C-alpha atoms as a PDB file:
ATOM      1  CA  UNK A   1    -122.757 -42.385 105.112  1.00  0.00           C
ATOM      2  CA  UNK A   2    -122.695 -45.371 107.472  1.00  0.00           C
ATOM      3  CA  UNK A   3    -120.672 -46.001 110.615  1.00  0.00           C
ATOM      4  CA  UNK A   4    -119.021 -49.216 109.396  1.00  0.00           C
ATOM      5  CA  UNK A   5    -119.499 -50.654 112.904  1.00  0.00           C
ATOM      6  CA  UNK A   6    -120.842 -54.109 113.671  1.00  0.00           C
ATOM      7  CA  UNK A   7    -123.284 -54.842 116.483  1.00  0.00           C
ATOM      8  CA  UNK A   8    -124.977 -57.615 118.406  1.00  0.00           C
ATOM      9  CA  UNK A   9    -128.362 -56.505 119.751  1.00  0.00           C
ATOM     10  CA  UNK A  10    -129.792 -58.494 122.663  1.00  0.00           C
ATOM     11  CA  UNK A  11    -133.584 -58.462 122.903  1.00  0.00           C
ATOM     12  CA  UNK A  12    -135.029 -59.190 126.338  1.00  0.00           C
ATOM     13  CA  UNK A  13    -137.479 -61.727 127.734  1.00  0.00           C
ATOM     14  CA  UNK A  14    -138.557 -63.112 131.125  1.00  0.00           C
ATOM     15  CA  UNK A  15    -137.053 -62.291 134.521  1.00  0.00           C
ATOM     16  CA  UNK A  16    -133.574 -61.274 135.642  1.00  0.00           C
ATOM     17  CA  UNK A  17    -132.199 -64.830 135.870  1.00  0.00           C
ATOM     18  CA  UNK A  18    -133.060 -65.651 132.246  1.00  0.00           C
ATOM     19  CA  UNK A  19    -131.994 -62.199 131.069  1.00  0.00           C
ATOM     20  CA  UNK A  20    -128.650 -62.469 132.813  1.00  0.00           C
ATOM     21  CA  UNK A  21    -127.852 -65.828 131.233  1.00  0.00           C
ATOM     22  CA  UNK A  22    -128.578 -64.447 127.776  1.00  0.00           C
ATOM     23  CA  UNK A  23    -126.676 -61.245 128.527  1.00  0.00           C
ATOM     24  CA  UNK A  24    -123.606 -63.251 129.545  1.00  0.00           C
ATOM     25  CA  UNK A  25    -123.835 -65.235 126.312  1.00  0.00           C
ATOM     26  CA  UNK A  26    -124.089 -61.992 124.330  1.00  0.00           C
ATOM     27  CA  UNK A  27    -121.060 -60.597 126.176  1.00  0.00           C
ATOM     28  CA  UNK A  28    -119.061 -63.732 125.320  1.00  0.00           C
ATOM     29  CA  UNK A  29    -120.029 -63.417 121.654  1.00  0.00           C
ATOM     30  CA  UNK A  30    -119.232 -59.688 121.552  1.00  0.00           C
ATOM     31  CA  UNK A  31    -115.812 -60.298 123.096  1.00  0.00           C
ATOM     32  CA  UNK A  32    -115.023 -63.038 120.564  1.00  0.00           C
ATOM     33  CA  UNK A  33    -116.109 -61.057 117.491  1.00  0.00           C
ATOM     34  CA  UNK A  34    -115.327 -57.458 118.455  1.00  0.00           C
ATOM     35  CA  UNK A  35    -118.944 -56.456 117.849  1.00  0.00           C
ATOM     36  CA  UNK A  36    -120.514 -53.672 119.886  1.00  0.00           C
ATOM     37  CA  UNK A  37    -123.027 -55.026 122.379  1.00  0.00           C
ATOM     38  CA  UNK A  38    -126.414 -53.284 122.500  1.00  0.00           C
ATOM     39  CA  UNK A  39    -128.880 -54.374 125.186  1.00  0.00           C
ATOM     40  CA  UNK A  40    -132.467 -53.687 124.117  1.00  0.00           C
ATOM     41  CA  UNK A  41    -134.726 -54.439 127.084  1.00  0.00           C
ATOM     42  CA  UNK A  42    -137.628 -52.160 126.169  1.00  0.00           C
ATOM     43  CA  UNK A  43    -140.043 -55.114 126.325  1.00  0.00           C
ATOM     44  CA  UNK A  44    -142.971 -55.003 128.751  1.00  0.00           C
ATOM     45  CA  UNK A  45    -141.352 -57.326 131.282  1.00  0.00           C
ATOM     46  CA  UNK A  46    -138.536 -54.816 131.853  1.00  0.00           C
ATOM     47  CA  UNK A  47    -140.038 -51.465 130.800  1.00  0.00           C
ATOM     48  CA  UNK A  48    -143.717 -50.540 130.714  1.00  0.00           C
ATOM     49  CA  UNK A  49    -143.089 -47.282 128.846  1.00  0.00           C
ATOM     50  CA  UNK A  50    -140.407 -48.512 126.454  1.00  0.00           C
ATOM     51  CA  UNK A  51    -137.864 -46.097 127.922  1.00  0.00           C
ATOM     52  CA  UNK A  52    -136.096 -48.108 130.629  1.00  0.00           C
ATOM     53  CA  UNK A  53    -132.985 -50.019 129.616  1.00  0.00           C
ATOM     54  CA  UNK A  54    -130.258 -52.014 131.328  1.00  0.00           C
ATOM     55  CA  UNK A  55    -128.109 -48.900 130.844  1.00  0.00           C
ATOM     56  CA  UNK A  56    -130.222 -47.129 133.483  1.00  0.00           C
ATOM     57  CA  UNK A  57    -128.927 -49.487 136.182  1.00  0.00           C
ATOM     58  CA  UNK A  58    -125.707 -51.114 134.986  1.00  0.00           C
ATOM     59  CA  UNK A  59    -122.597 -50.233 132.987  1.00  0.00           C
ATOM     60  CA  UNK A  60    -121.118 -52.903 130.709  1.00  0.00           C
ATOM     61  CA  UNK A  61    -117.308 -52.925 130.924  1.00  0.00           C
ATOM     62  CA  UNK A  62    -114.509 -54.995 129.437  1.00  0.00           C
ATOM     63  CA  UNK A  63    -116.343 -55.400 126.126  1.00  0.00           C
ATOM     64  CA  UNK A  64    -117.344 -53.015 123.353  1.00  0.00           C
ATOM     65  CA  UNK A  65    -120.689 -51.571 124.363  1.00  0.00           C
ATOM     66  CA  UNK A  66    -123.006 -49.130 122.608  1.00  0.00           C
ATOM     67  CA  UNK A  67    -125.811 -47.405 124.561  1.00  0.00           C
ATOM     68  CA  UNK A  68    -129.212 -48.482 123.299  1.00  0.00           C
ATOM     69  CA  UNK A  69    -130.657 -45.057 122.487  1.00  0.00           C
ATOM     70  CA  UNK A  70    -127.508 -44.046 120.603  1.00  0.00           C
ATOM     71  CA  UNK A  71    -127.705 -47.209 118.509  1.00  0.00           C
ATOM     72  CA  UNK A  72    -131.401 -46.669 117.798  1.00  0.00           C
ATOM     73  CA  UNK A  73    -130.781 -43.094 116.659  1.00  0.00           C
ATOM     74  CA  UNK A  74    -128.180 -44.291 114.153  1.00  0.00           C
ATOM     75  CA  UNK A  75    -130.352 -47.189 113.018  1.00  0.00           C
ATOM     76  CA  UNK A  76    -133.397 -44.971 112.434  1.00  0.00           C
ATOM     77  CA  UNK A  77    -131.296 -42.500 110.441  1.00  0.00           C
ATOM     78  CA  UNK A  78    -129.942 -45.261 108.201  1.00  0.00           C
ATOM     79  CA  UNK A  79    -126.381 -44.736 109.416  1.00  0.00           C
ATOM     80  CA  UNK A  80    -125.921 -48.420 110.198  1.00  0.00           C
ATOM     81  CA  UNK A  81    -125.535 -50.117 106.845  1.00  0.00           C
ATOM     82  CA  UNK A  82    -125.531 -53.696 105.689  1.00  0.00           C
ATOM     83  CA  UNK A  83    -127.776 -56.602 106.550  1.00  0.00           C
ATOM     84  CA  UNK A  84    -129.654 -57.295 109.762  1.00  0.00           C
ATOM     85  CA  UNK A  85    -129.967 -60.923 110.765  1.00  0.00           C
ATOM     86  CA  UNK A  86    -132.532 -62.372 111.340  1.00  0.00           C
ATOM     87  CA  UNK A  87    -133.932 -60.240 108.530  1.00  0.00           C
ATOM     88  CA  UNK A  88    -137.386 -59.452 110.030  1.00  0.00           C
ATOM     89  CA  UNK A  89    -135.730 -57.390 112.787  1.00  0.00           C
ATOM     90  CA  UNK A  90    -134.755 -54.805 110.162  1.00  0.00           C
ATOM     91  CA  UNK A  91    -138.370 -53.575 110.190  1.00  0.00           C
ATOM     92  CA  UNK A  92    -139.196 -54.587 113.781  1.00  0.00           C
ATOM     93  CA  UNK A  93    -136.189 -53.107 115.592  1.00  0.00           C
ATOM     94  CA  UNK A  94    -138.441 -50.509 117.257  1.00  0.00           C
ATOM     95  CA  UNK A  95    -141.314 -52.895 117.940  1.00  0.00           C
ATOM     96  CA  UNK A  96    -141.801 -52.989 121.725  1.00  0.00           C
ATOM     97  CA  UNK A  97    -144.391 -55.763 121.660  1.00  0.00           C
ATOM     98  CA  UNK A  98    -141.863 -58.555 121.154  1.00  0.00           C
ATOM     99  CA  UNK A  99    -143.115 -61.183 123.590  1.00  0.00           C
ATOM    100  CA  UNK A 100    -144.428 -63.306 120.719  1.00  0.00           C
ATOM    101  CA  UNK A 101    -141.711 -62.356 118.238  1.00  0.00           C
ATOM    102  CA  UNK A 102    -138.767 -63.635 120.282  1.00  0.00           C
ATOM    103  CA  UNK A 103    -140.366 -67.093 120.449  1.00  0.00           C
ATOM    104  CA  UNK A 104    -141.021 -67.149 116.680  1.00  0.00           C
ATOM    105  CA  UNK A 105    -138.437 -68.984 114.577  1.00  0.00           C
ATOM    106  CA  UNK A 106    -138.244 -66.238 111.929  1.00  0.00           C
ATOM    107  CA  UNK A 107    -136.931 -63.847 114.601  1.00  0.00           C
ATOM    108  CA  UNK A 108    -134.419 -66.269 116.097  1.00  0.00           C
ATOM    109  CA  UNK A 109    -130.851 -66.988 115.089  1.00  0.00           C
ATOM    110  CA  UNK A 110    -130.105 -70.429 113.591  1.00  0.00           C
ATOM    111  CA  UNK A 111    -130.247 -73.231 116.150  1.00  0.00           C
ATOM    112  CA  UNK A 112    -132.042 -70.881 118.560  1.00  0.00           C
ATOM    113  CA  UNK A 113    -128.888 -68.950 119.401  1.00  0.00           C
ATOM    114  CA  UNK A 114    -126.488 -71.875 119.503  1.00  0.00           C
ATOM    115  CA  UNK A 115    -124.681 -70.382 116.500  1.00  0.00           C
ATOM    116  CA  UNK A 116    -123.275 -67.457 118.484  1.00  0.00           C
ATOM    117  CA  UNK A 117    -121.965 -69.955 121.038  1.00  0.00           C
ATOM    118  CA  UNK A 118    -120.244 -71.873 118.225  1.00  0.00           C
ATOM    119  CA  UNK A 119    -118.774 -68.645 116.848  1.00  0.00           C
ATOM    120  CA  UNK A 120    -117.459 -67.601 120.253  1.00  0.00           C
ATOM    121  CA  UNK A 121    -116.202 -70.949 121.568  1.00  0.00           C
ATOM    122  CA  UNK A 122    -115.408 -73.003 118.468  1.00  0.00           C
ATOM    123  CA  UNK A 123    -114.149 -70.265 116.125  1.00  0.00           C
ATOM    124  CA  UNK A 124    -116.938 -70.791 113.613  1.00  0.00           C
ATOM    125  CA  UNK A 125    -117.065 -67.966 111.059  1.00  0.00           C
ATOM    126  CA  UNK A 126    -119.096 -64.977 112.217  1.00  0.00           C
ATOM    127  CA  UNK A 127    -122.101 -63.634 110.345  1.00  0.00           C
ATOM    128  CA  UNK A 128    -121.366 -61.075 107.621  1.00  0.00           C
ATOM    129  CA  UNK A 129    -124.330 -58.962 108.733  1.00  0.00           C
ATOM    130  CA  UNK A 130    -123.577 -55.626 110.371  1.00  0.00           C
ATOM    131  CA  UNK A 131    -126.366 -56.168 112.909  1.00  0.00           C
ATOM    132  CA  UNK A 132    -126.944 -59.530 114.590  1.00  0.00           C
ATOM    133  CA  UNK A 133    -130.069 -59.607 116.753  1.00  0.00           C
ATOM    134  CA  UNK A 134    -130.117 -62.215 119.492  1.00  0.00           C
ATOM    135  CA  UNK A 135    -133.628 -62.924 120.791  1.00  0.00           C
ATOM    136  CA  UNK A 136    -132.929 -63.741 124.424  1.00  0.00           C
ATOM    137  CA  UNK A 137    -134.705 -67.087 124.648  1.00  0.00           C
ATOM    138  CA  UNK A 138    -133.841 -70.738 124.126  1.00  0.00           C
ATOM    139  CA  UNK A 139    -130.292 -72.085 124.054  1.00  0.00           C
ATOM    140  CA  UNK A 140    -127.634 -70.262 126.017  1.00  0.00           C
ATOM    141  CA  UNK A 141    -124.036 -71.062 126.921  1.00  0.00           C
ATOM    142  CA  UNK A 142    -122.068 -68.532 128.914  1.00  0.00           C
ATOM    143  CA  UNK A 143    -119.276 -67.942 131.414  1.00  0.00           C
ATOM    144  CA  UNK A 144    -120.088 -66.896 134.972  1.00  0.00           C
ATOM    145  CA  UNK A 145    -116.777 -65.001 134.947  1.00  0.00           C
ATOM    146  CA  UNK A 146    -118.284 -62.524 132.468  1.00  0.00           C
ATOM    147  CA  UNK A 147    -120.544 -61.237 135.245  1.00  0.00           C
ATOM    148  CA  UNK A 148    -117.523 -59.146 136.249  1.00  0.00           C
ATOM    149  CA  UNK A 149    -118.236 -57.070 133.113  1.00  0.00           C
ATOM    150  CA  UNK A 150    -121.446 -55.780 134.730  1.00  0.00           C
ATOM    151  CA  UNK A 151    -120.848 -52.818 137.008  1.00  0.00           C
ATOM    152  CA  UNK A 152    -123.743 -51.121 138.836  1.00  0.00           C
ATOM    153  CA  UNK A 153    -124.098 -47.429 138.078  1.00  0.00           C
ATOM    154  CA  UNK A 154    -122.583 -45.168 140.723  1.00  0.00           C
ATOM    155  CA  UNK A 155    -126.037 -44.193 142.010  1.00  0.00           C
ATOM    156  CA  UNK A 156    -127.076 -47.849 142.245  1.00  0.00           C
ATOM    157  CA  UNK A 157    -123.882 -48.939 143.980  1.00  0.00           C
ATOM    158  CA  UNK A 158    -124.493 -46.195 146.567  1.00  0.00           C
ATOM    159  CA  UNK A 159    -128.120 -47.314 146.875  1.00  0.00           C
ATOM    160  CA  UNK A 160    -127.070 -50.938 147.474  1.00  0.00           C
ATOM    161  CA  UNK A 161    -124.605 -49.981 150.195  1.00  0.00           C
ATOM    162  CA  UNK A 162    -127.172 -47.711 151.861  1.00  0.00           C
ATOM    163  CA  UNK A 163    -129.800 -50.462 151.614  1.00  0.00           C
ATOM    164  CA  UNK A 164    -127.424 -52.922 153.278  1.00  0.00           C
ATOM    165  CA  UNK A 165    -126.425 -50.536 156.070  1.00  0.00           C
ATOM    166  CA  UNK A 166    -130.057 -49.744 156.876  1.00  0.00           C
ATOM    167  CA  UNK A 167    -130.774 -53.454 157.313  1.00  0.00           C
ATOM    168  CA  UNK A 168    -127.541 -54.487 159.016  1.00  0.00           C
ATOM    169  CA  UNK A 169    -126.378 -56.587 156.067  1.00  0.00           C
ATOM    170  CA  UNK A 170    -122.639 -57.256 156.178  1.00  0.00           C
ATOM    171  CA  UNK A 171    -121.016 -59.189 153.345  1.00  0.00           C
ATOM    172  CA  UNK A 172    -120.571 -62.926 154.099  1.00  0.00           C
ATOM    173  CA  UNK A 173    -122.085 -62.482 157.570  1.00  0.00           C
ATOM    174  CA  UNK A 174    -125.555 -63.859 156.769  1.00  0.00           C
ATOM    175  CA  UNK A 175    -127.244 -66.631 154.791  1.00  0.00           C
ATOM    176  CA  UNK A 176    -130.170 -66.401 152.378  1.00  0.00           C
ATOM    177  CA  UNK A 177    -133.140 -68.689 151.849  1.00  0.00           C
ATOM    178  CA  UNK A 178    -134.809 -67.891 148.529  1.00  0.00           C
ATOM    179  CA  UNK A 179    -138.384 -69.075 148.019  1.00  0.00           C
ATOM    180  CA  UNK A 180    -140.028 -68.811 144.603  1.00  0.00           C
ATOM    181  CA  UNK A 181    -143.812 -68.735 144.399  1.00  0.00           C
ATOM    182  CA  UNK A 182    -143.771 -68.085 140.654  1.00  0.00           C
ATOM    183  CA  UNK A 183    -144.591 -71.308 138.747  1.00  0.00           C
ATOM    184  CA  UNK A 184    -146.171 -72.907 141.857  1.00  0.00           C
ATOM    185  CA  UNK A 185    -149.982 -73.040 141.408  1.00  0.00           C
ATOM    186  CA  UNK A 186    -150.607 -73.572 145.126  1.00  0.00           C
ATOM    187  CA  UNK A 187    -148.721 -70.292 145.767  1.00  0.00           C
ATOM    188  CA  UNK A 188    -150.580 -68.286 143.126  1.00  0.00           C
ATOM    189  CA  UNK A 189    -148.089 -68.795 140.314  1.00  0.00           C
ATOM    190  CA  UNK A 190    -148.249 -70.614 137.007  1.00  0.00           C
ATOM    191  CA  UNK A 191    -145.946 -71.786 134.241  1.00  0.00           C
ATOM    192  CA  UNK A 192    -146.743 -71.965 130.533  1.00  0.00           C
ATOM    193  CA  UNK A 193    -144.396 -74.843 129.638  1.00  0.00           C
ATOM    194  CA  UNK A 194    -146.330 -78.063 130.294  1.00  0.00           C
ATOM    195  CA  UNK A 195    -143.295 -80.294 130.851  1.00  0.00           C
ATOM    196  CA  UNK A 196    -141.850 -77.908 133.450  1.00  0.00           C
ATOM    197  CA  UNK A 197    -145.250 -77.538 135.135  1.00  0.00           C
ATOM    198  CA  UNK A 198    -145.524 -81.319 135.464  1.00  0.00           C
ATOM    199  CA  UNK A 199    -141.976 -81.592 136.819  1.00  0.00           C
ATOM    200  CA  UNK A 200    -142.551 -78.899 139.452  1.00  0.00           C
ATOM    201  CA  UNK A 201    -145.908 -80.363 140.428  1.00  0.00           C
ATOM    202  CA  UNK A 202    -144.335 -83.779 140.931  1.00  0.00           C
ATOM    203  CA  UNK A 203    -141.512 -82.399 143.059  1.00  0.00           C
ATOM    204  CA  UNK A 204    -143.499 -79.757 144.956  1.00  0.00           C
ATOM    205  CA  UNK A 205    -147.151 -80.910 145.018  1.00  0.00           C
ATOM    206  CA  UNK A 206    -148.026 -78.621 147.919  1.00  0.00           C
ATOM    207  CA  UNK A 207    -146.678 -76.083 150.391  1.00  0.00           C
ATOM    208  CA  UNK A 208    -145.555 -78.635 152.960  1.00  0.00           C
ATOM    209  CA  UNK A 209    -143.558 -80.645 150.441  1.00  0.00           C
ATOM    210  CA  UNK A 210    -141.919 -77.454 149.214  1.00  0.00           C
ATOM    211  CA  UNK A 211    -140.931 -76.240 152.674  1.00  0.00           C
ATOM    212  CA  UNK A 212    -139.657 -79.679 153.673  1.00  0.00           C
ATOM    213  CA  UNK A 213    -137.334 -79.913 150.674  1.00  0.00           C
ATOM    214  CA  UNK A 214    -135.983 -76.372 151.036  1.00  0.00           C
ATOM    215  CA  UNK A 215    -135.444 -76.975 154.760  1.00  0.00           C
ATOM    216  CA  UNK A 216    -133.438 -80.088 153.907  1.00  0.00           C
ATOM    217  CA  UNK A 217    -131.324 -78.009 151.530  1.00  0.00           C
ATOM    218  CA  UNK A 218    -130.765 -75.444 154.279  1.00  0.00           C
ATOM    219  CA  UNK A 219    -129.725 -78.147 156.771  1.00  0.00           C
ATOM    220  CA  UNK A 220    -127.241 -79.515 154.219  1.00  0.00           C
ATOM    221  CA  UNK A 221    -125.795 -76.076 153.499  1.00  0.00           C
ATOM    222  CA  UNK A 222    -125.594 -75.060 157.176  1.00  0.00           C
ATOM    223  CA  UNK A 223    -125.174 -78.327 159.134  1.00  0.00           C
ATOM    224  CA  UNK A 224    -123.295 -76.906 162.127  1.00  0.00           C
ATOM    225  CA  UNK A 225    -125.685 -75.045 164.416  1.00  0.00           C
ATOM    226  CA  UNK A 226    -122.799 -73.366 166.220  1.00  0.00           C
ATOM    227  CA  UNK A 227    -121.565 -71.667 163.046  1.00  0.00           C
ATOM    228  CA  UNK A 228    -124.932 -70.615 161.645  1.00  0.00           C
ATOM    229  CA  UNK A 229    -125.377 -67.018 160.582  1.00  0.00           C
ATOM    230  CA  UNK A 230    -128.506 -64.847 160.587  1.00  0.00           C
ATOM    231  CA  UNK A 231    -130.877 -65.886 157.800  1.00  0.00           C
ATOM    232  CA  UNK A 232    -132.711 -63.512 155.482  1.00  0.00           C
ATOM    233  CA  UNK A 233    -135.671 -64.891 153.560  1.00  0.00           C
ATOM    234  CA  UNK A 234    -136.158 -63.555 150.026  1.00  0.00           C
ATOM    235  CA  UNK A 235    -139.284 -64.341 148.048  1.00  0.00           C
ATOM    236  CA  UNK A 236    -141.598 -63.054 145.339  1.00  0.00           C
ATOM    237  CA  UNK A 237    -144.454 -63.807 147.768  1.00  0.00           C
ATOM    238  CA  UNK A 238    -144.893 -62.416 151.265  1.00  0.00           C
ATOM    239  CA  UNK A 239    -147.361 -65.229 151.943  1.00  0.00           C
ATOM    240  CA  UNK A 240    -144.819 -67.932 151.077  1.00  0.00           C
ATOM    241  CA  UNK A 241    -142.137 -66.244 153.183  1.00  0.00           C
ATOM    242  CA  UNK A 242    -144.495 -66.024 156.176  1.00  0.00           C
ATOM    243  CA  UNK A 243    -145.400 -69.706 155.824  1.00  0.00           C
ATOM    244  CA  UNK A 244    -141.731 -70.674 155.762  1.00  0.00           C
ATOM    245  CA  UNK A 245    -140.935 -68.650 158.879  1.00  0.00           C
ATOM    246  CA  UNK A 246    -144.020 -69.929 160.722  1.00  0.00           C
ATOM    247  CA  UNK A 247    -143.341 -73.597 159.922  1.00  0.00           C
ATOM    248  CA  UNK A 248    -139.523 -73.629 160.302  1.00  0.00           C
ATOM    249  CA  UNK A 249    -138.785 -70.757 162.677  1.00  0.00           C
ATOM    250  CA  UNK A 250    -135.873 -69.837 160.411  1.00  0.00           C
ATOM    251  CA  UNK A 251    -135.049 -66.339 159.237  1.00  0.00           C
ATOM    252  CA  UNK A 252    -136.517 -62.889 158.761  1.00  0.00           C
ATOM    253  CA  UNK A 253    -138.334 -61.766 155.633  1.00  0.00           C
ATOM    254  CA  UNK A 254    -136.587 -59.078 153.597  1.00  0.00           C
ATOM    255  CA  UNK A 255    -139.689 -57.469 152.156  1.00  0.00           C
ATOM    256  CA  UNK A 256    -140.232 -55.531 148.928  1.00  0.00           C
ATOM    257  CA  UNK A 257    -142.360 -52.564 148.054  1.00  0.00           C
ATOM    258  CA  UNK A 258    -144.740 -54.876 146.170  1.00  0.00           C
ATOM    259  CA  UNK A 259    -145.405 -57.986 148.247  1.00  0.00           C
ATOM    260  CA  UNK A 260    -149.156 -58.341 147.928  1.00  0.00           C
ATOM    261  CA  UNK A 261    -149.441 -59.459 144.287  1.00  0.00           C
ATOM    262  CA  UNK A 262    -148.262 -62.790 142.883  1.00  0.00           C
ATOM    263  CA  UNK A 263    -148.474 -63.087 139.107  1.00  0.00           C
ATOM    264  CA  UNK A 264    -147.761 -66.055 136.837  1.00  0.00           C
ATOM    265  CA  UNK A 265    -144.030 -66.808 136.887  1.00  0.00           C
ATOM    266  CA  UNK A 266    -142.843 -63.802 138.901  1.00  0.00           C
ATOM    267  CA  UNK A 267    -143.087 -60.118 139.698  1.00  0.00           C
ATOM    268  CA  UNK A 268    -141.614 -59.188 136.298  1.00  0.00           C
ATOM    269  CA  UNK A 269    -145.075 -60.126 134.944  1.00  0.00           C
ATOM    270  CA  UNK A 270    -146.812 -57.349 136.902  1.00  0.00           C
ATOM    271  CA  UNK A 271    -148.682 -54.969 134.628  1.00  0.00           C
ATOM    272  CA  UNK A 272    -148.577 -51.178 134.677  1.00  0.00           C
ATOM    273  CA  UNK A 273    -151.991 -50.892 136.368  1.00  0.00           C
ATOM    274  CA  UNK A 274    -150.861 -53.250 139.169  1.00  0.00           C
ATOM    275  CA  UNK A 275    -147.940 -50.966 139.944  1.00  0.00           C
ATOM    276  CA  UNK A 276    -149.824 -47.699 139.503  1.00  0.00           C
ATOM    277  CA  UNK A 277    -152.427 -48.773 142.064  1.00  0.00           C
ATOM    278  CA  UNK A 278    -149.575 -49.266 144.532  1.00  0.00           C
ATOM    279  CA  UNK A 279    -147.879 -45.977 143.636  1.00  0.00           C
ATOM    280  CA  UNK A 280    -144.903 -47.792 142.091  1.00  0.00           C
ATOM    281  CA  UNK A 281    -143.187 -47.940 138.715  1.00  0.00           C
ATOM    282  CA  UNK A 282    -141.292 -50.552 136.719  1.00  0.00           C
ATOM    283  CA  UNK A 283    -138.135 -48.698 137.677  1.00  0.00           C
ATOM    284  CA  UNK A 284    -138.901 -49.485 141.343  1.00  0.00           C
ATOM    285  CA  UNK A 285    -139.644 -53.165 140.678  1.00  0.00           C
ATOM    286  CA  UNK A 286    -136.460 -53.658 138.645  1.00  0.00           C
ATOM    287  CA  UNK A 287    -134.456 -51.982 141.398  1.00  0.00           C
ATOM    288  CA  UNK A 288    -136.017 -54.249 144.040  1.00  0.00           C
ATOM    289  CA  UNK A 289    -135.008 -57.291 141.981  1.00  0.00           C
ATOM    290  CA  UNK A 290    -131.440 -56.056 141.597  1.00  0.00           C
ATOM    291  CA  UNK A 291    -131.261 -55.314 145.334  1.00  0.00           C
ATOM    292  CA  UNK A 292    -132.350 -58.891 146.089  1.00  0.00           C
ATOM    293  CA  UNK A 293    -129.756 -60.165 143.630  1.00  0.00           C
ATOM    294  CA  UNK A 294    -127.072 -58.107 145.368  1.00  0.00           C
ATOM    295  CA  UNK A 295    -128.187 -59.461 148.758  1.00  0.00           C
ATOM    296  CA  UNK A 296    -127.560 -62.976 147.434  1.00  0.00           C
ATOM    297  CA  UNK A 297    -124.252 -62.001 145.821  1.00  0.00           C
ATOM    298  CA  UNK A 298    -123.066 -60.849 149.250  1.00  0.00           C
ATOM    299  CA  UNK A 299    -124.434 -63.808 151.247  1.00  0.00           C
ATOM    300  CA  UNK A 300    -122.256 -66.513 152.755  1.00  0.00           C
ATOM    301  CA  UNK A 301    -124.605 -69.158 151.355  1.00  0.00           C
ATOM    302  CA  UNK A 302    -127.752 -69.142 149.218  1.00  0.00           C
ATOM    303  CA  UNK A 303    -130.363 -71.885 149.635  1.00  0.00           C
ATOM    304  CA  UNK A 304    -133.255 -72.314 147.196  1.00  0.00           C
ATOM    305  CA  UNK A 305    -135.553 -74.902 145.633  1.00  0.00           C
ATOM    306  CA  UNK A 306    -133.058 -75.644 142.862  1.00  0.00           C
ATOM    307  CA  UNK A 307    -135.317 -74.355 140.066  1.00  0.00           C
ATOM    308  CA  UNK A 308    -134.983 -70.582 140.349  1.00  0.00           C
ATOM    309  CA  UNK A 309    -132.488 -69.076 137.918  1.00  0.00           C
ATOM    310  CA  UNK A 310    -132.640 -65.871 139.951  1.00  0.00           C
ATOM    311  CA  UNK A 311    -130.992 -67.418 143.009  1.00  0.00           C
ATOM    312  CA  UNK A 312    -128.856 -69.997 141.193  1.00  0.00           C
ATOM    313  CA  UNK A 313    -127.292 -67.277 139.029  1.00  0.00           C
ATOM    314  CA  UNK A 314    -126.528 -65.145 142.089  1.00  0.00           C
ATOM    315  CA  UNK A 315    -124.880 -68.090 143.823  1.00  0.00           C
ATOM    316  CA  UNK A 316    -122.817 -68.996 140.745  1.00  0.00           C
ATOM    317  CA  UNK A 317    -121.718 -65.404 140.075  1.00  0.00           C
ATOM    318  CA  UNK A 318    -120.401 -64.799 143.609  1.00  0.00           C
ATOM    319  CA  UNK A 319    -116.814 -65.420 142.505  1.00  0.00           C
ATOM    320  CA  UNK A 320    -116.966 -62.911 139.635  1.00  0.00           C
ATOM    321  CA  UNK A 321    -118.447 -59.795 141.199  1.00  0.00           C
ATOM    322  CA  UNK A 322    -117.402 -56.263 140.346  1.00  0.00           C
ATOM    323  CA  UNK A 323    -116.484 -54.550 143.664  1.00  0.00           C
ATOM    324  CA  UNK A 324    -119.287 -52.007 143.246  1.00  0.00           C
ATOM    325  CA  UNK A 325    -121.837 -54.772 143.928  1.00  0.00           C
ATOM    326  CA  UNK A 326    -120.311 -55.539 147.316  1.00  0.00           C
ATOM    327  CA  UNK A 327    -121.596 -54.399 150.683  1.00  0.00           C
ATOM    328  CA  UNK A 328    -119.250 -52.884 153.250  1.00  0.00           C
END
């Protein structure tokens, strides 16, 4: 006997900014079709042991949502009938090593996900399949307003408020400068996509050029010295934050528990052995990222290099925040 329910399963990839964009697109599609949304972020960049999920940190509201482990139990028992599209996911649903799979055409929806946008926004006919798997890469079109469907768990909301109180963070009473070392070779980062690497290298050939351009963005965002607020510097690199503060005299660094290691395109790339040597877990690193995101959600203004989805998504979602994200 099968449930007769229909699902959209979002597979994860990359850091929080990319994940959030894809999650918002999946929410839009689930709302339009009435499918149950399942968020499967057991990949290595979110969960080193395959146990952590988005459900551990955030509740999805305002849309049909099915907890990941409940869906997997039904799927393994054959209680979810019908077709799975793309078809290869039917035998790879429990595969945790999906970093290559999600970038492989056989595992992607037609037009690299653009079809679910067309279904949601242009009333194109939905798939007949009971399970639609959306590999969270490539094309995405979403509504920032759907961020209001993401509510931090009660424990996390309490943690965010406690974190803010301990650091004197009051909503809209400070500004944020976000500096991203990931994808900057001179800061210890790297980027796999050649065209993006060339673009970033042309715009930010070295540290001084980077700091100069971000400082110009800060001056444009906060032109009146008399009305300037305290500035908190967020970064995936303690070194980059210290260089900014030394060269500009602006802000204080809001440090993490893992500031000594810069990897590839960001801290989501840190491996299990990197964290174990520091006495940390992936749970801790994910929480640090979500804390930083909340700090930006609550800021009066957010200044960045214009390339980080992490900070640009926080800035754009400020008008659609569930109250449980907000500081006192």
